[in-house]
Amino acid sequence: MTTTELLFDLLKIILPAALLLAGMFFLVKKYVDRDYKLRLLELRMKNAETVLPIRLQAYERMTLFLERITPSNLLIRVSSSGHTASDYHRMLINDIRNEYNHNLSQQIYMTDQTWEMIQSAKENVVTLINRSYHEMQDKNKGTELAKRILETIIAQENDPTARAISIMKKEINQVF
């Protein structure tokens, strides 16, 4: 037997074995990839079952926060009777900050755009209260500050929290 014949016989054995091995490799790889994708999908579905209710609860809490700091609701909830404008101003700002700090962790469940709108709404309410307070004298009563805040809202015809609530509703509608 010559070297050529030996090489040819060896190729007859090795070539089909290599083709069979390559075919098996691709079949097993395809099966493993499919199995990996299925397991990943199952994991995502389990996570969605856990995270989705928590995320929805975060949106509910932030909607409640925005409703609570809406000036008309805030002024009703934090009574101005018997307080000076200075004391009432401090009470309103502290109430907003406490509400905000209580709900600060909810930002991890929201998009950056929505969280920025919530922060902007809070800052707009604080600015409105501060501006109304600084337009008054220290000896004024808390009821006069409340009246000034409401007059400013009516004059602006703009609820400082309405846009943030609207954006949250749109975002929730996209998720569900």
C-alpha atoms as a PDB file:
ATOM      1  CA  MET A   1       0.000   0.000   0.000  1.00  0.00           C
ATOM      2  CA  THR A   2       1.352   3.346  -0.946  1.00  0.00           C
ATOM      3  CA  THR A   3       1.282   6.456   1.078  1.00  0.00           C
ATOM      4  CA  THR A   4      -1.300   7.976  -1.211  1.00  0.00           C
ATOM      5  CA  GLU A   5      -3.643   5.019  -0.779  1.00  0.00           C
ATOM      6  CA  LEU A   6      -3.096   5.080   2.971  1.00  0.00           C
ATOM      7  CA  LEU A   7      -3.835   8.787   3.060  1.00  0.00           C
ATOM      8  CA  PHE A   8      -6.928   8.271   0.893  1.00  0.00           C
ATOM      9  CA  ASP A   9      -8.195   5.446   3.161  1.00  0.00           C
ATOM     10  CA  LEU A  10      -7.536   7.600   6.203  1.00  0.00           C
ATOM     11  CA  LEU A  11      -9.507  10.472   4.653  1.00  0.00           C
ATOM     12  CA  LYS A  12     -12.384   8.057   3.937  1.00  0.00           C
ATOM     13  CA  ILE A  13     -12.596   7.406   7.652  1.00  0.00           C
ATOM     14  CA  ILE A  14     -11.732  10.832   9.061  1.00  0.00           C
ATOM     15  CA  LEU A  15     -13.850  12.975   6.724  1.00  0.00           C
ATOM     16  CA  PRO A  16     -17.195  11.260   7.485  1.00  0.00           C
ATOM     17  CA  ALA A  17     -16.315  11.214  11.196  1.00  0.00           C
ATOM     18  CA  ALA A  18     -15.477  14.943  11.111  1.00  0.00           C
ATOM     19  CA  LEU A  19     -18.723  15.720   9.275  1.00  0.00           C
ATOM     20  CA  LEU A  20     -20.685  13.640  11.781  1.00  0.00           C
ATOM     21  CA  LEU A  21     -18.904  15.363  14.675  1.00  0.00           C
ATOM     22  CA  ALA A  22     -19.577  18.831  13.208  1.00  0.00           C
ATOM     23  CA  GLY A  23     -23.251  17.951  12.656  1.00  0.00           C
ATOM     24  CA  MET A  24     -23.592  16.670  16.212  1.00  0.00           C
ATOM     25  CA  PHE A  25     -21.855  19.780  17.548  1.00  0.00           C
ATOM     26  CA  PHE A  26     -24.283  22.113  15.768  1.00  0.00           C
ATOM     27  CA  LEU A  27     -27.317  20.057  16.834  1.00  0.00           C
ATOM     28  CA  VAL A  28     -26.238  20.023  20.467  1.00  0.00           C
ATOM     29  CA  LYS A  29     -25.364  23.738  20.324  1.00  0.00           C
ATOM     30  CA  LYS A  30     -28.785  24.541  18.864  1.00  0.00           C
ATOM     31  CA  TYR A  31     -30.478  22.486  21.594  1.00  0.00           C
ATOM     32  CA  VAL A  32     -28.436  24.132  24.372  1.00  0.00           C
ATOM     33  CA  ASP A  33     -29.133  27.625  22.965  1.00  0.00           C
ATOM     34  CA  ARG A  34     -32.858  26.902  22.768  1.00  0.00           C
ATOM     35  CA  ASP A  35     -32.859  25.536  26.315  1.00  0.00           C
ATOM     36  CA  TYR A  36     -30.975  28.615  27.539  1.00  0.00           C
ATOM     37  CA  LYS A  37     -33.488  30.939  25.877  1.00  0.00           C
ATOM     38  CA  LEU A  38     -36.406  29.036  27.417  1.00  0.00           C
ATOM     39  CA  ARG A  39     -34.880  29.196  30.881  1.00  0.00           C
ATOM     40  CA  LEU A  40     -34.170  32.898  30.439  1.00  0.00           C
ATOM     41  CA  LEU A  41     -37.777  33.477  29.361  1.00  0.00           C
ATOM     42  CA  GLU A  42     -39.054  31.557  32.401  1.00  0.00           C
ATOM     43  CA  LEU A  43     -36.829  33.630  34.677  1.00  0.00           C
ATOM     44  CA  ARG A  44     -38.065  36.872  33.137  1.00  0.00           C
ATOM     45  CA  MET A  45     -41.676  35.774  33.547  1.00  0.00           C
ATOM     46  CA  LYS A  46     -41.097  34.927  37.221  1.00  0.00           C
ATOM     47  CA  ASN A  47     -39.397  38.278  37.727  1.00  0.00           C
ATOM     48  CA  ALA A  48     -42.275  40.045  35.991  1.00  0.00           C
ATOM     49  CA  GLU A  49     -44.742  38.330  38.326  1.00  0.00           C
ATOM     50  CA  THR A  50     -42.786  39.706  41.270  1.00  0.00           C
ATOM     51  CA  VAL A  51     -41.690  43.110  39.988  1.00  0.00           C
ATOM     52  CA  LEU A  52     -44.832  44.184  38.149  1.00  0.00           C
ATOM     53  CA  PRO A  53     -47.040  44.456  41.262  1.00  0.00           C
ATOM     54  CA  ILE A  54     -44.269  46.298  43.109  1.00  0.00           C
ATOM     55  CA  ARG A  55     -43.793  48.645  40.183  1.00  0.00           C
ATOM     56  CA  LEU A  56     -47.520  49.323  40.002  1.00  0.00           C
ATOM     57  CA  GLN A  57     -47.547  50.013  43.734  1.00  0.00           C
ATOM     58  CA  ALA A  58     -44.703  52.519  43.238  1.00  0.00           C
ATOM     59  CA  TYR A  59     -46.747  54.377  40.638  1.00  0.00           C
ATOM     60  CA  GLU A  60     -49.729  54.375  42.993  1.00  0.00           C
ATOM     61  CA  ARG A  61     -47.620  55.746  45.829  1.00  0.00           C
ATOM     62  CA  MET A  62     -46.141  58.489  43.664  1.00  0.00           C
ATOM     63  CA  THR A  63     -49.592  59.429  42.378  1.00  0.00           C
ATOM     64  CA  LEU A  64     -50.733  59.695  45.988  1.00  0.00           C
ATOM     65  CA  PHE A  65     -47.647  61.802  46.763  1.00  0.00           C
ATOM     66  CA  LEU A  66     -48.425  64.189  43.908  1.00  0.00           C
ATOM     67  CA  GLU A  67     -52.078  64.414  44.939  1.00  0.00           C
ATOM     68  CA  ARG A  68     -51.067  65.119  48.538  1.00  0.00           C
ATOM     69  CA  ILE A  69     -48.720  67.959  47.536  1.00  0.00           C
ATOM     70  CA  THR A  70     -51.149  69.501  45.057  1.00  0.00           C
ATOM     71  CA  PRO A  71     -51.563  72.932  46.654  1.00  0.00           C
ATOM     72  CA  SER A  72     -55.333  72.771  47.002  1.00  0.00           C
ATOM     73  CA  ASN A  73     -55.106  69.400  48.774  1.00  0.00           C
ATOM     74  CA  LEU A  74     -52.039  70.375  50.795  1.00  0.00           C
ATOM     75  CA  LEU A  75     -53.670  73.543  52.108  1.00  0.00           C
ATOM     76  CA  ILE A  76     -56.716  71.593  53.260  1.00  0.00           C
ATOM     77  CA  ARG A  77     -54.654  68.861  54.902  1.00  0.00           C
ATOM     78  CA  VAL A  78     -52.220  71.203  56.690  1.00  0.00           C
ATOM     79  CA  SER A  79     -54.415  73.604  58.623  1.00  0.00           C
ATOM     80  CA  SER A  80     -53.443  77.258  58.617  1.00  0.00           C
ATOM     81  CA  SER A  81     -55.641  78.386  61.497  1.00  0.00           C
ATOM     82  CA  GLY A  82     -53.831  79.857  64.457  1.00  0.00           C
ATOM     83  CA  HIS A  83     -50.457  80.049  62.702  1.00  0.00           C
ATOM     84  CA  THR A  84     -48.453  82.949  61.398  1.00  0.00           C
ATOM     85  CA  ALA A  85     -47.553  83.000  57.714  1.00  0.00           C
ATOM     86  CA  SER A  86     -43.971  82.147  58.650  1.00  0.00           C
ATOM     87  CA  ASP A  87     -44.994  79.106  60.709  1.00  0.00           C
ATOM     88  CA  TYR A  88     -47.479  77.951  58.088  1.00  0.00           C
ATOM     89  CA  HIS A  89     -44.872  78.322  55.344  1.00  0.00           C
ATOM     90  CA  ARG A  90     -42.457  76.175  57.341  1.00  0.00           C
ATOM     91  CA  MET A  91     -45.179  73.569  58.018  1.00  0.00           C
ATOM     92  CA  LEU A  92     -46.072  73.314  54.305  1.00  0.00           C
ATOM     93  CA  ILE A  93     -42.456  72.945  53.176  1.00  0.00           C
ATOM     94  CA  ASN A  94     -41.721  70.374  55.887  1.00  0.00           C
ATOM     95  CA  ASP A  95     -44.803  68.370  54.940  1.00  0.00           C
ATOM     96  CA  ILE A  96     -43.752  68.268  51.278  1.00  0.00           C
ATOM     97  CA  ARG A  97     -40.194  67.253  52.168  1.00  0.00           C
ATOM     98  CA  ASN A  98     -41.392  64.543  54.543  1.00  0.00           C
ATOM     99  CA  GLU A  99     -43.756  63.131  51.919  1.00  0.00           C
ATOM    100  CA  TYR A 100     -40.993  63.199  49.309  1.00  0.00           C
ATOM    101  CA  ASN A 101     -38.400  61.565  51.567  1.00  0.00           C
ATOM    102  CA  HIS A 102     -40.904  58.877  52.520  1.00  0.00           C
ATOM    103  CA  ASN A 103     -41.363  57.941  48.846  1.00  0.00           C
ATOM    104  CA  LEU A 104     -37.821  58.502  47.574  1.00  0.00           C
ATOM    105  CA  SER A 105     -37.090  54.802  47.081  1.00  0.00           C
ATOM    106  CA  GLN A 106     -39.898  54.466  44.515  1.00  0.00           C
ATOM    107  CA  GLN A 107     -37.688  56.013  41.843  1.00  0.00           C
ATOM    108  CA  ILE A 108     -36.024  52.658  41.122  1.00  0.00           C
ATOM    109  CA  TYR A 109     -39.281  51.385  39.626  1.00  0.00           C
ATOM    110  CA  MET A 110     -39.803  54.338  37.274  1.00  0.00           C
ATOM    111  CA  THR A 111     -38.192  55.695  34.170  1.00  0.00           C
ATOM    112  CA  ASP A 112     -35.815  58.612  34.543  1.00  0.00           C
ATOM    113  CA  GLN A 113     -38.197  60.875  32.628  1.00  0.00           C
ATOM    114  CA  THR A 114     -41.071  60.149  35.003  1.00  0.00           C
ATOM    115  CA  TRP A 115     -38.941  60.585  38.105  1.00  0.00           C
ATOM    116  CA  GLU A 116     -37.645  63.907  36.786  1.00  0.00           C
ATOM    117  CA  MET A 117     -41.226  65.056  36.223  1.00  0.00           C
ATOM    118  CA  ILE A 118     -42.128  64.112  39.804  1.00  0.00           C
ATOM    119  CA  GLN A 119     -39.139  66.044  41.140  1.00  0.00           C
ATOM    120  CA  SER A 120     -39.999  68.990  38.935  1.00  0.00           C
ATOM    121  CA  ALA A 121     -43.602  68.973  40.190  1.00  0.00           C
ATOM    122  CA  LYS A 122     -42.397  68.941  43.789  1.00  0.00           C
ATOM    123  CA  GLU A 123     -39.990  71.797  43.118  1.00  0.00           C
ATOM    124  CA  ASN A 124     -42.731  73.786  41.360  1.00  0.00           C
ATOM    125  CA  VAL A 125     -45.005  73.437  44.395  1.00  0.00           C
ATOM    126  CA  VAL A 126     -42.202  74.454  46.764  1.00  0.00           C
ATOM    127  CA  THR A 127     -41.351  77.424  44.522  1.00  0.00           C
ATOM    128  CA  LEU A 128     -45.011  78.459  44.416  1.00  0.00           C
ATOM    129  CA  ILE A 129     -45.257  78.346  48.206  1.00  0.00           C
ATOM    130  CA  ASN A 130     -41.945  80.194  48.666  1.00  0.00           C
ATOM    131  CA  ARG A 131     -42.856  82.871  46.132  1.00  0.00           C
ATOM    132  CA  SER A 132     -46.268  83.390  47.719  1.00  0.00           C
ATOM    133  CA  TYR A 133     -44.696  83.605  51.171  1.00  0.00           C
ATOM    134  CA  HIS A 134     -42.020  86.105  50.116  1.00  0.00           C
ATOM    135  CA  GLU A 135     -44.671  88.381  48.633  1.00  0.00           C
ATOM    136  CA  MET A 136     -46.161  88.760  52.115  1.00  0.00           C
ATOM    137  CA  GLN A 137     -45.077  90.347  55.353  1.00  0.00           C
ATOM    138  CA  ASP A 138     -43.994  88.250  58.344  1.00  0.00           C
ATOM    139  CA  LYS A 139     -46.854  89.498  60.495  1.00  0.00           C
ATOM    140  CA  ASN A 140     -49.513  88.036  58.170  1.00  0.00           C
ATOM    141  CA  LYS A 141     -51.571  85.048  59.206  1.00  0.00           C
ATOM    142  CA  GLY A 142     -51.331  81.549  57.809  1.00  0.00           C
ATOM    143  CA  THR A 143     -54.795  81.855  56.297  1.00  0.00           C
ATOM    144  CA  GLU A 144     -53.589  84.826  54.261  1.00  0.00           C
ATOM    145  CA  LEU A 145     -50.681  82.748  52.929  1.00  0.00           C
ATOM    146  CA  ALA A 146     -53.083  79.953  51.977  1.00  0.00           C
ATOM    147  CA  LYS A 147     -55.287  82.478  50.204  1.00  0.00           C
ATOM    148  CA  ARG A 148     -52.282  83.919  48.339  1.00  0.00           C
ATOM    149  CA  ILE A 149     -51.170  80.452  47.209  1.00  0.00           C
ATOM    150  CA  LEU A 150     -54.641  79.638  45.874  1.00  0.00           C
ATOM    151  CA  GLU A 151     -54.886  83.002  44.123  1.00  0.00           C
ATOM    152  CA  THR A 152     -51.531  82.360  42.432  1.00  0.00           C
ATOM    153  CA  ILE A 153     -52.694  78.947  41.198  1.00  0.00           C
ATOM    154  CA  ILE A 154     -55.911  80.425  39.847  1.00  0.00           C
ATOM    155  CA  ALA A 155     -54.021  83.260  38.141  1.00  0.00           C
ATOM    156  CA  GLN A 156     -51.551  80.822  36.542  1.00  0.00           C
ATOM    157  CA  GLU A 157     -54.330  78.400  35.566  1.00  0.00           C
ATOM    158  CA  ASN A 158     -51.764  75.666  36.028  1.00  0.00           C
ATOM    159  CA  ASP A 159     -51.733  72.815  38.514  1.00  0.00           C
ATOM    160  CA  PRO A 160     -48.027  72.166  39.211  1.00  0.00           C
ATOM    161  CA  THR A 161     -48.552  68.423  39.670  1.00  0.00           C
ATOM    162  CA  ALA A 162     -50.983  67.679  36.825  1.00  0.00           C
ATOM    163  CA  ARG A 163     -48.333  67.130  34.137  1.00  0.00           C
ATOM    164  CA  ALA A 164     -46.385  64.627  36.251  1.00  0.00           C
ATOM    165  CA  ILE A 165     -49.561  62.658  36.985  1.00  0.00           C
ATOM    166  CA  SER A 166     -50.405  62.657  33.290  1.00  0.00           C
ATOM    167  CA  ILE A 167     -46.949  61.317  32.363  1.00  0.00           C
ATOM    168  CA  MET A 168     -47.224  58.576  34.971  1.00  0.00           C
ATOM    169  CA  LYS A 169     -50.598  57.520  33.564  1.00  0.00           C
ATOM    170  CA  LYS A 170     -49.153  57.322  30.049  1.00  0.00           C
ATOM    171  CA  GLU A 171     -46.219  55.270  31.264  1.00  0.00           C
ATOM    172  CA  ILE A 172     -48.485  52.844  33.113  1.00  0.00           C
ATOM    173  CA  ASN A 173     -50.638  52.462  30.000  1.00  0.00           C
ATOM    174  CA  GLN A 174     -47.520  51.502  28.029  1.00  0.00           C
ATOM    175  CA  VAL A 175     -46.622  48.815  30.579  1.00  0.00           C
ATOM    176  CA  PHE A 176     -50.117  47.304  30.660  1.00  0.00           C
END
